């Protein structure tokens, strides 16, 4: 699987922006992506050294609004920690 398909997009929220001060960046990744694949993809795309990768799986949830039922999609986030002195400009 190529790098551009492993990383879907950066996850930009207020909490994720505050994590940038600690050299941590959050990305939405494919469900089947492994930590080594994520590390390699970030290194190839952004040309930075990754020291750690943490992954969060959020399962799909069934939701109800009035009498309608639906499903809120699940996703997988990767929290990537960079080497000291490096950063990614996501904006």
C-alpha atoms as a PDB file:
ATOM      1  CA  UNK A   1       0.000   0.000   0.000  1.00  0.00           C
ATOM      2  CA  UNK A   2       1.465   3.387  -0.921  1.00  0.00           C
ATOM      3  CA  UNK A   3       2.079   6.093   1.643  1.00  0.00           C
ATOM      4  CA  UNK A   4      -0.516   8.490   0.294  1.00  0.00           C
ATOM      5  CA  UNK A   5      -3.260   5.905   0.850  1.00  0.00           C
ATOM      6  CA  UNK A   6      -2.232   5.035   4.418  1.00  0.00           C
ATOM      7  CA  UNK A   7      -2.582   8.621   5.655  1.00  0.00           C
ATOM      8  CA  UNK A   8      -6.062   9.940   4.859  1.00  0.00           C
ATOM      9  CA  UNK A   9      -5.729  13.468   6.275  1.00  0.00           C
ATOM     10  CA  UNK A  10      -4.480  15.435   9.276  1.00  0.00           C
ATOM     11  CA  UNK A  11      -6.911  15.529  12.197  1.00  0.00           C
ATOM     12  CA  UNK A  12      -7.175  19.239  13.011  1.00  0.00           C
ATOM     13  CA  UNK A  13      -9.004  20.022  16.246  1.00  0.00           C
ATOM     14  CA  UNK A  14      -8.292  22.345  19.136  1.00  0.00           C
ATOM     15  CA  UNK A  15      -6.904  19.486  21.217  1.00  0.00           C
ATOM     16  CA  UNK A  16      -4.724  18.249  18.345  1.00  0.00           C
ATOM     17  CA  UNK A  17      -3.394  21.790  17.818  1.00  0.00           C
ATOM     18  CA  UNK A  18      -2.383  22.004  21.486  1.00  0.00           C
ATOM     19  CA  UNK A  19      -0.566  18.665  21.178  1.00  0.00           C
ATOM     20  CA  UNK A  20       1.641  20.235  18.477  1.00  0.00           C
ATOM     21  CA  UNK A  21       3.554  22.045  21.227  1.00  0.00           C
ATOM     22  CA  UNK A  22       4.705  18.606  22.465  1.00  0.00           C
ATOM     23  CA  UNK A  23       5.800  17.553  18.932  1.00  0.00           C
ATOM     24  CA  UNK A  24       2.693  15.334  18.610  1.00  0.00           C
ATOM     25  CA  UNK A  25       0.536  15.379  15.484  1.00  0.00           C
ATOM     26  CA  UNK A  26      -2.718  13.531  14.800  1.00  0.00           C
ATOM     27  CA  UNK A  27      -3.667  11.926  11.475  1.00  0.00           C
ATOM     28  CA  UNK A  28      -6.670   9.969  10.254  1.00  0.00           C
ATOM     29  CA  UNK A  29      -5.342   6.685   8.840  1.00  0.00           C
ATOM     30  CA  UNK A  30      -6.689   3.558   7.117  1.00  0.00           C
ATOM     31  CA  UNK A  31      -8.237   0.913   9.379  1.00  0.00           C
ATOM     32  CA  UNK A  32      -5.691  -1.762   8.412  1.00  0.00           C
ATOM     33  CA  UNK A  33      -2.577   0.448   8.713  1.00  0.00           C
ATOM     34  CA  UNK A  34       0.064  -0.809  11.137  1.00  0.00           C
ATOM     35  CA  UNK A  35       2.344   1.358  13.269  1.00  0.00           C
ATOM     36  CA  UNK A  36       5.463   0.701  11.141  1.00  0.00           C
ATOM     37  CA  UNK A  37       3.499   1.553   7.959  1.00  0.00           C
ATOM     38  CA  UNK A  38       2.246   4.802   9.515  1.00  0.00           C
ATOM     39  CA  UNK A  39       5.769   5.706  10.667  1.00  0.00           C
ATOM     40  CA  UNK A  40       7.200   5.114   7.186  1.00  0.00           C
ATOM     41  CA  UNK A  41       4.387   7.050   5.499  1.00  0.00           C
ATOM     42  CA  UNK A  42       4.864  10.122   7.728  1.00  0.00           C
ATOM     43  CA  UNK A  43       8.636   9.967   7.189  1.00  0.00           C
ATOM     44  CA  UNK A  44       8.223   9.786   3.391  1.00  0.00           C
ATOM     45  CA  UNK A  45       5.481  12.416   3.051  1.00  0.00           C
ATOM     46  CA  UNK A  46       6.681  15.079   5.533  1.00  0.00           C
ATOM     47  CA  UNK A  47      10.453  14.289   5.605  1.00  0.00           C
ATOM     48  CA  UNK A  48      10.637  14.144   9.424  1.00  0.00           C
ATOM     49  CA  UNK A  49      11.900  11.562  11.934  1.00  0.00           C
ATOM     50  CA  UNK A  50       9.142   9.801  13.901  1.00  0.00           C
ATOM     51  CA  UNK A  51      10.025   8.553  17.384  1.00  0.00           C
ATOM     52  CA  UNK A  52       6.670   7.097  18.445  1.00  0.00           C
ATOM     53  CA  UNK A  53       3.273   6.156  16.992  1.00  0.00           C
ATOM     54  CA  UNK A  54       0.149   5.644  19.105  1.00  0.00           C
ATOM     55  CA  UNK A  55      -3.081   4.444  17.511  1.00  0.00           C
ATOM     56  CA  UNK A  56      -6.674   5.062  18.620  1.00  0.00           C
ATOM     57  CA  UNK A  57      -9.518   2.987  17.154  1.00  0.00           C
ATOM     58  CA  UNK A  58     -12.989   4.475  17.442  1.00  0.00           C
ATOM     59  CA  UNK A  59     -15.665   1.919  16.579  1.00  0.00           C
ATOM     60  CA  UNK A  60     -18.807   2.750  14.624  1.00  0.00           C
ATOM     61  CA  UNK A  61     -21.770   3.842  16.747  1.00  0.00           C
ATOM     62  CA  UNK A  62     -25.448   3.451  16.076  1.00  0.00           C
ATOM     63  CA  UNK A  63     -27.304   6.753  16.521  1.00  0.00           C
ATOM     64  CA  UNK A  64     -30.954   7.711  16.595  1.00  0.00           C
ATOM     65  CA  UNK A  65     -32.589  11.041  15.793  1.00  0.00           C
ATOM     66  CA  UNK A  66     -36.343  11.100  16.377  1.00  0.00           C
ATOM     67  CA  UNK A  67     -37.510   7.870  14.689  1.00  0.00           C
ATOM     68  CA  UNK A  68     -34.614   7.539  12.265  1.00  0.00           C
ATOM     69  CA  UNK A  69     -31.709   5.214  12.877  1.00  0.00           C
ATOM     70  CA  UNK A  70     -28.265   5.675  11.449  1.00  0.00           C
ATOM     71  CA  UNK A  71     -24.660   4.706  11.931  1.00  0.00           C
ATOM     72  CA  UNK A  72     -21.847   7.085  12.792  1.00  0.00           C
ATOM     73  CA  UNK A  73     -18.706   5.846  11.039  1.00  0.00           C
ATOM     74  CA  UNK A  74     -15.785   4.468  12.977  1.00  0.00           C
ATOM     75  CA  UNK A  75     -12.225   5.620  12.309  1.00  0.00           C
ATOM     76  CA  UNK A  76      -8.590   5.100  13.263  1.00  0.00           C
ATOM     77  CA  UNK A  77      -6.348   7.950  14.427  1.00  0.00           C
ATOM     78  CA  UNK A  78      -2.580   7.913  14.679  1.00  0.00           C
ATOM     79  CA  UNK A  79      -0.826  10.191  17.158  1.00  0.00           C
ATOM     80  CA  UNK A  80       2.712  10.666  15.878  1.00  0.00           C
ATOM     81  CA  UNK A  81       5.560  12.000  18.036  1.00  0.00           C
ATOM     82  CA  UNK A  82       8.478  13.620  16.212  1.00  0.00           C
ATOM     83  CA  UNK A  83      12.157  13.840  17.053  1.00  0.00           C
ATOM     84  CA  UNK A  84      13.259  16.813  19.172  1.00  0.00           C
ATOM     85  CA  UNK A  85      13.505  20.039  17.164  1.00  0.00           C
ATOM     86  CA  UNK A  86      11.322  18.919  14.240  1.00  0.00           C
ATOM     87  CA  UNK A  87       7.801  19.996  13.348  1.00  0.00           C
ATOM     88  CA  UNK A  88       5.156  19.671  10.640  1.00  0.00           C
ATOM     89  CA  UNK A  89       3.325  22.702   9.253  1.00  0.00           C
ATOM     90  CA  UNK A  90      -0.227  21.405   8.687  1.00  0.00           C
ATOM     91  CA  UNK A  91      -1.955  24.743   8.086  1.00  0.00           C
END
